[in-house]
Amino acid sequence: MATDPAAQPKYSASRRSISKARRVSSSKSGESGSKESAGEPPVSVGKPPATKVPPEAPAEAVPAAPLSKAAQTARSLAKKLADEGEPVIANLGGAGAKHEPKNAINVNNQAVSRKDIPNHVNADGSDVGNLFAPETLDRIEGHNMAPGVIDWSRAAPGAFKALKPGGTIQYYYRGANSDAEVMGAQLRKAGFTDVEVLSNVLVRARKPGG
């Protein structure tokens, strides 16, 4: 059977169209596969944003306890003496007697009632570290003192705190007694140097520095 030459081109064109369509489809499939194999990250859908935790507010500073009336008086007297260029001396148990240092601040709790004590601070001498601001005293003294009047487990570290570097302690007892040795031991423990206990009557010490 003879083939019509005019129909041949149409058939060939149809085959070419089908082949071209197949190549385009294959090419698109290849592109899709290469994108997947390239490891492009998948799109995250519906993931909630991270919640930011606000920083904690700084802790409020605890206000300092108000000074007692005795401490206010002690510090006021110390400042006055310093402004006048006078040595600032805390006289524990002092009453302003002639044998006591002139212009000293007399820390006396009036266990024995006395009148007209100059520069008087009505307080226990054991609290010397709380009565005076740190490093404001030049000397601490005591004269003709009975044993046990001062609690040196409190007074020794307090004295160390209140004295200026190089400040001194000189404390006389009313006769020899064992309390002098206790005082000396507590002064050494608090950090004083050059501690001397003389005949269990006089105790002397110095704060380092100055």
C-alpha atoms as a PDB file:
ATOM      1  CA  MET A   1       0.000   0.000   0.000  1.00  0.00           C
ATOM      2  CA  ALA A   2       1.445   3.372  -1.023  1.00  0.00           C
ATOM      3  CA  THR A   3       2.029   6.068   1.628  1.00  0.00           C
ATOM      4  CA  ASP A   4       0.733   9.553   1.032  1.00  0.00           C
ATOM      5  CA  PRO A   5       3.803  11.805   1.083  1.00  0.00           C
ATOM      6  CA  ALA A   6       1.728  14.792   2.274  1.00  0.00           C
ATOM      7  CA  ALA A   7       0.743  13.031   5.544  1.00  0.00           C
ATOM      8  CA  GLN A   8       4.330  12.252   6.603  1.00  0.00           C
ATOM      9  CA  PRO A   9       5.241  15.702   7.882  1.00  0.00           C
ATOM     10  CA  LYS A  10       2.171  15.851  10.109  1.00  0.00           C
ATOM     11  CA  TYR A  11       3.074  12.557  11.730  1.00  0.00           C
ATOM     12  CA  SER A  12       6.668  13.548  12.300  1.00  0.00           C
ATOM     13  CA  ALA A  13       5.631  16.889  13.762  1.00  0.00           C
ATOM     14  CA  SER A  14       3.279  15.149  16.166  1.00  0.00           C
ATOM     15  CA  ARG A  15       6.044  12.823  17.357  1.00  0.00           C
ATOM     16  CA  ARG A  16       8.414  15.718  17.790  1.00  0.00           C
ATOM     17  CA  SER A  17       5.821  17.578  19.961  1.00  0.00           C
ATOM     18  CA  ILE A  18       5.367  14.569  22.207  1.00  0.00           C
ATOM     19  CA  SER A  19       9.106  14.083  22.565  1.00  0.00           C
ATOM     20  CA  LYS A  20       9.607  17.748  23.387  1.00  0.00           C
ATOM     21  CA  ALA A  21       6.868  17.616  26.055  1.00  0.00           C
ATOM     22  CA  ARG A  22       8.528  14.600  27.619  1.00  0.00           C
ATOM     23  CA  ARG A  23      11.904  16.372  27.723  1.00  0.00           C
ATOM     24  CA  VAL A  24      10.393  19.469  29.395  1.00  0.00           C
ATOM     25  CA  SER A  25       8.623  17.329  32.004  1.00  0.00           C
ATOM     26  CA  SER A  26      11.809  15.373  32.688  1.00  0.00           C
ATOM     27  CA  SER A  27      13.772  18.585  33.002  1.00  0.00           C
ATOM     28  CA  LYS A  28      11.314  20.001  35.581  1.00  0.00           C
ATOM     29  CA  SER A  29      11.427  16.777  37.560  1.00  0.00           C
ATOM     30  CA  GLY A  30      15.191  16.943  37.547  1.00  0.00           C
ATOM     31  CA  GLU A  31      15.162  20.528  38.785  1.00  0.00           C
ATOM     32  CA  SER A  32      12.788  19.623  41.603  1.00  0.00           C
ATOM     33  CA  GLY A  33      14.940  16.679  42.591  1.00  0.00           C
ATOM     34  CA  SER A  34      18.125  18.731  42.532  1.00  0.00           C
ATOM     35  CA  LYS A  35      16.538  21.374  44.814  1.00  0.00           C
ATOM     36  CA  GLU A  36      15.595  18.714  47.327  1.00  0.00           C
ATOM     37  CA  SER A  37      19.033  17.145  47.163  1.00  0.00           C
ATOM     38  CA  ALA A  38      20.660  20.579  47.571  1.00  0.00           C
ATOM     39  CA  GLY A  39      19.360  20.523  51.135  1.00  0.00           C
ATOM     40  CA  GLU A  40      17.313  23.726  51.109  1.00  0.00           C
ATOM     41  CA  PRO A  41      15.807  24.161  54.560  1.00  0.00           C
ATOM     42  CA  PRO A  42      12.146  23.433  54.901  1.00  0.00           C
ATOM     43  CA  VAL A  43       9.873  26.332  55.696  1.00  0.00           C
ATOM     44  CA  SER A  44       8.779  26.294  59.327  1.00  0.00           C
ATOM     45  CA  VAL A  45       5.082  26.836  59.648  1.00  0.00           C
ATOM     46  CA  GLY A  46       3.257  27.835  62.820  1.00  0.00           C
ATOM     47  CA  LYS A  47       6.322  27.844  65.188  1.00  0.00           C
ATOM     48  CA  PRO A  48       5.693  30.310  68.061  1.00  0.00           C
ATOM     49  CA  PRO A  49       8.380  32.985  68.698  1.00  0.00           C
ATOM     50  CA  ALA A  50      10.693  32.493  71.687  1.00  0.00           C
ATOM     51  CA  THR A  51       9.481  34.184  74.865  1.00  0.00           C
ATOM     52  CA  LYS A  52      11.915  36.780  76.250  1.00  0.00           C
ATOM     53  CA  VAL A  53      12.312  36.663  80.037  1.00  0.00           C
ATOM     54  CA  PRO A  54      12.715  40.187  81.459  1.00  0.00           C
ATOM     55  CA  PRO A  55      15.828  40.711  83.630  1.00  0.00           C
ATOM     56  CA  GLU A  56      15.326  40.629  87.364  1.00  0.00           C
ATOM     57  CA  ALA A  57      15.109  43.990  89.059  1.00  0.00           C
ATOM     58  CA  PRO A  58      18.135  44.808  91.254  1.00  0.00           C
ATOM     59  CA  ALA A  59      17.649  44.161  94.945  1.00  0.00           C
ATOM     60  CA  GLU A  60      16.868  47.265  96.935  1.00  0.00           C
ATOM     61  CA  ALA A  61      19.543  48.388  99.366  1.00  0.00           C
ATOM     62  CA  VAL A  62      18.666  47.813 102.994  1.00  0.00           C
ATOM     63  CA  PRO A  63      18.637  51.181 104.756  1.00  0.00           C
ATOM     64  CA  ALA A  64      21.061  51.542 107.641  1.00  0.00           C
ATOM     65  CA  ALA A  65      19.556  51.427 111.114  1.00  0.00           C
ATOM     66  CA  PRO A  66      19.170  54.876 112.644  1.00  0.00           C
ATOM     67  CA  LEU A  67      21.852  55.884 115.119  1.00  0.00           C
ATOM     68  CA  SER A  68      20.998  55.823 118.785  1.00  0.00           C
ATOM     69  CA  LYS A  69      20.892  59.107 120.663  1.00  0.00           C
ATOM     70  CA  ALA A  70      24.150  58.167 122.411  1.00  0.00           C
ATOM     71  CA  ALA A  71      25.880  57.471 119.071  1.00  0.00           C
ATOM     72  CA  GLN A  72      24.663  60.773 117.652  1.00  0.00           C
ATOM     73  CA  THR A  73      26.066  62.590 120.677  1.00  0.00           C
ATOM     74  CA  ALA A  74      29.393  60.703 120.515  1.00  0.00           C
ATOM     75  CA  ARG A  75      29.897  61.415 116.821  1.00  0.00           C
ATOM     76  CA  SER A  76      28.916  65.033 117.160  1.00  0.00           C
ATOM     77  CA  LEU A  77      31.449  65.554 119.973  1.00  0.00           C
ATOM     78  CA  ALA A  78      34.156  63.722 118.002  1.00  0.00           C
ATOM     79  CA  LYS A  79      33.578  65.930 114.977  1.00  0.00           C
ATOM     80  CA  LYS A  80      33.665  69.082 117.079  1.00  0.00           C
ATOM     81  CA  LEU A  81      37.012  68.134 118.637  1.00  0.00           C
ATOM     82  CA  ALA A  82      38.488  67.169 115.267  1.00  0.00           C
ATOM     83  CA  ASP A  83      37.341  70.458 113.718  1.00  0.00           C
ATOM     84  CA  GLU A  84      39.021  72.322 116.570  1.00  0.00           C
ATOM     85  CA  GLY A  85      42.264  70.441 115.990  1.00  0.00           C
ATOM     86  CA  GLU A  86      42.044  68.625 119.341  1.00  0.00           C
ATOM     87  CA  PRO A  87      42.847  64.915 119.808  1.00  0.00           C
ATOM     88  CA  VAL A  88      39.683  62.819 119.845  1.00  0.00           C
ATOM     89  CA  ILE A  89      39.816  60.676 123.010  1.00  0.00           C
ATOM     90  CA  ALA A  90      37.130  58.291 124.254  1.00  0.00           C
ATOM     91  CA  ASN A  91      37.433  58.015 128.050  1.00  0.00           C
ATOM     92  CA  LEU A  92      35.614  54.832 129.079  1.00  0.00           C
ATOM     93  CA  GLY A  93      33.889  55.239 132.427  1.00  0.00           C
ATOM     94  CA  GLY A  94      35.187  58.804 132.565  1.00  0.00           C
ATOM     95  CA  ALA A  95      33.692  61.555 134.691  1.00  0.00           C
ATOM     96  CA  GLY A  96      35.939  64.512 133.908  1.00  0.00           C
ATOM     97  CA  ALA A  97      38.183  64.108 136.978  1.00  0.00           C
ATOM     98  CA  LYS A  98      41.504  65.967 137.211  1.00  0.00           C
ATOM     99  CA  HIS A  99      43.568  62.834 136.551  1.00  0.00           C
ATOM    100  CA  GLU A 100      41.606  62.087 133.351  1.00  0.00           C
ATOM    101  CA  PRO A 101      42.461  63.516 129.912  1.00  0.00           C
ATOM    102  CA  LYS A 102      41.223  67.047 129.281  1.00  0.00           C
ATOM    103  CA  ASN A 103      38.440  67.491 126.719  1.00  0.00           C
ATOM    104  CA  ALA A 104      37.947  63.721 126.437  1.00  0.00           C
ATOM    105  CA  ILE A 105      34.567  62.292 125.458  1.00  0.00           C
ATOM    106  CA  ASN A 106      33.402  60.587 128.654  1.00  0.00           C
ATOM    107  CA  VAL A 107      31.501  57.389 127.877  1.00  0.00           C
ATOM    108  CA  ASN A 108      29.757  56.615 131.151  1.00  0.00           C
ATOM    109  CA  ASN A 109      26.546  54.633 131.662  1.00  0.00           C
ATOM    110  CA  GLN A 110      26.017  56.198 135.087  1.00  0.00           C
ATOM    111  CA  ALA A 111      26.201  52.882 136.936  1.00  0.00           C
ATOM    112  CA  VAL A 112      27.454  55.173 139.676  1.00  0.00           C
ATOM    113  CA  SER A 113      25.423  58.346 139.402  1.00  0.00           C
ATOM    114  CA  ARG A 114      27.474  61.468 138.776  1.00  0.00           C
ATOM    115  CA  LYS A 115      26.519  65.026 137.939  1.00  0.00           C
ATOM    116  CA  ASP A 116      27.914  67.518 135.464  1.00  0.00           C
ATOM    117  CA  ILE A 117      30.089  65.122 133.469  1.00  0.00           C
ATOM    118  CA  PRO A 118      31.658  67.140 130.624  1.00  0.00           C
ATOM    119  CA  ASN A 119      31.339  65.835 127.052  1.00  0.00           C
ATOM    120  CA  HIS A 120      29.138  63.088 128.419  1.00  0.00           C
ATOM    121  CA  VAL A 121      27.852  60.159 126.368  1.00  0.00           C
ATOM    122  CA  ASN A 122      25.423  58.091 128.411  1.00  0.00           C
ATOM    123  CA  ALA A 123      26.311  54.596 127.177  1.00  0.00           C
ATOM    124  CA  ASP A 124      28.182  51.390 127.975  1.00  0.00           C
ATOM    125  CA  GLY A 125      31.868  51.619 127.034  1.00  0.00           C
ATOM    126  CA  SER A 126      31.636  48.077 125.643  1.00  0.00           C
ATOM    127  CA  ASP A 127      29.773  49.605 122.685  1.00  0.00           C
ATOM    128  CA  VAL A 128      32.599  51.947 121.673  1.00  0.00           C
ATOM    129  CA  GLY A 129      32.638  50.486 118.143  1.00  0.00           C
ATOM    130  CA  ASN A 130      28.997  51.421 117.576  1.00  0.00           C
ATOM    131  CA  LEU A 131      29.135  54.802 119.288  1.00  0.00           C
ATOM    132  CA  PHE A 132      31.882  56.259 117.096  1.00  0.00           C
ATOM    133  CA  ALA A 133      32.321  56.265 113.343  1.00  0.00           C
ATOM    134  CA  PRO A 134      35.153  54.086 112.008  1.00  0.00           C
ATOM    135  CA  GLU A 135      38.679  55.474 112.374  1.00  0.00           C
ATOM    136  CA  THR A 136      37.706  58.701 114.140  1.00  0.00           C
ATOM    137  CA  LEU A 137      39.396  58.209 117.541  1.00  0.00           C
ATOM    138  CA  ASP A 138      43.010  59.033 118.336  1.00  0.00           C
ATOM    139  CA  ARG A 139      43.018  57.329 121.744  1.00  0.00           C
ATOM    140  CA  ILE A 140      40.867  55.219 124.034  1.00  0.00           C
ATOM    141  CA  GLU A 141      41.519  55.424 127.756  1.00  0.00           C
ATOM    142  CA  GLY A 142      40.124  54.237 131.050  1.00  0.00           C
ATOM    143  CA  HIS A 143      41.189  55.347 134.542  1.00  0.00           C
ATOM    144  CA  ASN A 144      40.738  53.710 137.942  1.00  0.00           C
ATOM    145  CA  MET A 145      38.371  51.147 136.429  1.00  0.00           C
ATOM    146  CA  ALA A 146      36.822  48.238 138.322  1.00  0.00           C
ATOM    147  CA  PRO A 147      37.255  44.765 136.782  1.00  0.00           C
ATOM    148  CA  GLY A 148      34.394  43.451 134.666  1.00  0.00           C
ATOM    149  CA  VAL A 149      32.971  46.892 133.854  1.00  0.00           C
ATOM    150  CA  ILE A 150      33.854  46.513 130.164  1.00  0.00           C
ATOM    151  CA  ASP A 151      33.051  43.425 128.094  1.00  0.00           C
ATOM    152  CA  TRP A 152      36.257  43.204 126.089  1.00  0.00           C
ATOM    153  CA  SER A 153      34.936  40.526 123.742  1.00  0.00           C
ATOM    154  CA  ARG A 154      32.819  43.378 122.324  1.00  0.00           C
ATOM    155  CA  ALA A 155      34.942  46.381 123.193  1.00  0.00           C
ATOM    156  CA  ALA A 156      38.238  45.134 121.695  1.00  0.00           C
ATOM    157  CA  PRO A 157      36.991  44.689 118.085  1.00  0.00           C
ATOM    158  CA  GLY A 158      34.901  47.837 118.485  1.00  0.00           C
ATOM    159  CA  ALA A 159      37.939  49.808 119.633  1.00  0.00           C
ATOM    160  CA  PHE A 160      39.949  48.485 116.688  1.00  0.00           C
ATOM    161  CA  LYS A 161      37.211  49.694 114.338  1.00  0.00           C
ATOM    162  CA  ALA A 162      36.827  53.162 115.918  1.00  0.00           C
ATOM    163  CA  LEU A 163      40.526  54.000 116.313  1.00  0.00           C
ATOM    164  CA  LYS A 164      42.532  55.605 113.534  1.00  0.00           C
ATOM    165  CA  PRO A 165      45.531  53.635 112.231  1.00  0.00           C
ATOM    166  CA  GLY A 166      48.248  54.118 114.832  1.00  0.00           C
ATOM    167  CA  GLY A 167      45.686  54.905 117.541  1.00  0.00           C
ATOM    168  CA  THR A 168      46.300  53.640 121.066  1.00  0.00           C
ATOM    169  CA  ILE A 169      44.569  52.195 124.126  1.00  0.00           C
ATOM    170  CA  GLN A 170      45.690  52.908 127.670  1.00  0.00           C
ATOM    171  CA  TYR A 171      43.523  51.427 130.404  1.00  0.00           C
ATOM    172  CA  TYR A 172      44.176  51.499 134.174  1.00  0.00           C
ATOM    173  CA  TYR A 173      42.489  49.144 136.596  1.00  0.00           C
ATOM    174  CA  ARG A 174      41.751  49.861 140.220  1.00  0.00           C
ATOM    175  CA  GLY A 175      44.368  47.471 141.534  1.00  0.00           C
ATOM    176  CA  ALA A 176      45.797  44.258 140.117  1.00  0.00           C
ATOM    177  CA  ASN A 177      43.269  41.703 138.841  1.00  0.00           C
ATOM    178  CA  SER A 178      42.905  38.880 136.297  1.00  0.00           C
ATOM    179  CA  ASP A 179      40.631  40.948 134.049  1.00  0.00           C
ATOM    180  CA  ALA A 180      43.742  42.699 132.757  1.00  0.00           C
ATOM    181  CA  GLU A 181      44.962  39.447 131.186  1.00  0.00           C
ATOM    182  CA  VAL A 182      41.528  38.862 129.645  1.00  0.00           C
ATOM    183  CA  MET A 183      41.615  42.355 128.152  1.00  0.00           C
ATOM    184  CA  GLY A 184      45.107  41.807 126.753  1.00  0.00           C
ATOM    185  CA  ALA A 185      44.091  38.533 125.091  1.00  0.00           C
ATOM    186  CA  GLN A 186      41.020  40.119 123.483  1.00  0.00           C
ATOM    187  CA  LEU A 187      43.059  43.060 122.169  1.00  0.00           C
ATOM    188  CA  ARG A 188      45.520  40.679 120.497  1.00  0.00           C
ATOM    189  CA  LYS A 189      42.650  38.694 119.006  1.00  0.00           C
ATOM    190  CA  ALA A 190      41.141  41.904 117.566  1.00  0.00           C
ATOM    191  CA  GLY A 191      44.380  42.728 115.759  1.00  0.00           C
ATOM    192  CA  PHE A 192      46.165  45.132 118.111  1.00  0.00           C
ATOM    193  CA  THR A 193      49.949  45.069 118.344  1.00  0.00           C
ATOM    194  CA  ASP A 194      52.413  46.082 121.048  1.00  0.00           C
ATOM    195  CA  VAL A 195      49.982  44.764 123.668  1.00  0.00           C
ATOM    196  CA  GLU A 196      51.371  45.120 127.188  1.00  0.00           C
ATOM    197  CA  VAL A 197      49.853  43.967 130.468  1.00  0.00           C
ATOM    198  CA  LEU A 198      51.828  45.609 133.259  1.00  0.00           C
ATOM    199  CA  SER A 199      51.431  44.168 136.779  1.00  0.00           C
ATOM    200  CA  ASN A 200      47.801  43.293 135.907  1.00  0.00           C
ATOM    201  CA  VAL A 201      46.979  46.977 136.445  1.00  0.00           C
ATOM    202  CA  LEU A 202      47.819  48.797 133.211  1.00  0.00           C
ATOM    203  CA  VAL A 203      47.034  47.539 129.707  1.00  0.00           C
ATOM    204  CA  ARG A 204      48.423  49.275 126.622  1.00  0.00           C
ATOM    205  CA  ALA A 205      48.070  48.470 122.932  1.00  0.00           C
ATOM    206  CA  ARG A 206      48.358  50.040 119.502  1.00  0.00           C
ATOM    207  CA  LYS A 207      46.420  49.671 116.259  1.00  0.00           C
ATOM    208  CA  PRO A 208      48.769  48.971 113.314  1.00  0.00           C
ATOM    209  CA  GLY A 209      49.353  51.676 110.719  1.00  0.00           C
ATOM    210  CA  GLY A 210      49.576  55.431 110.981  1.00  0.00           C
END
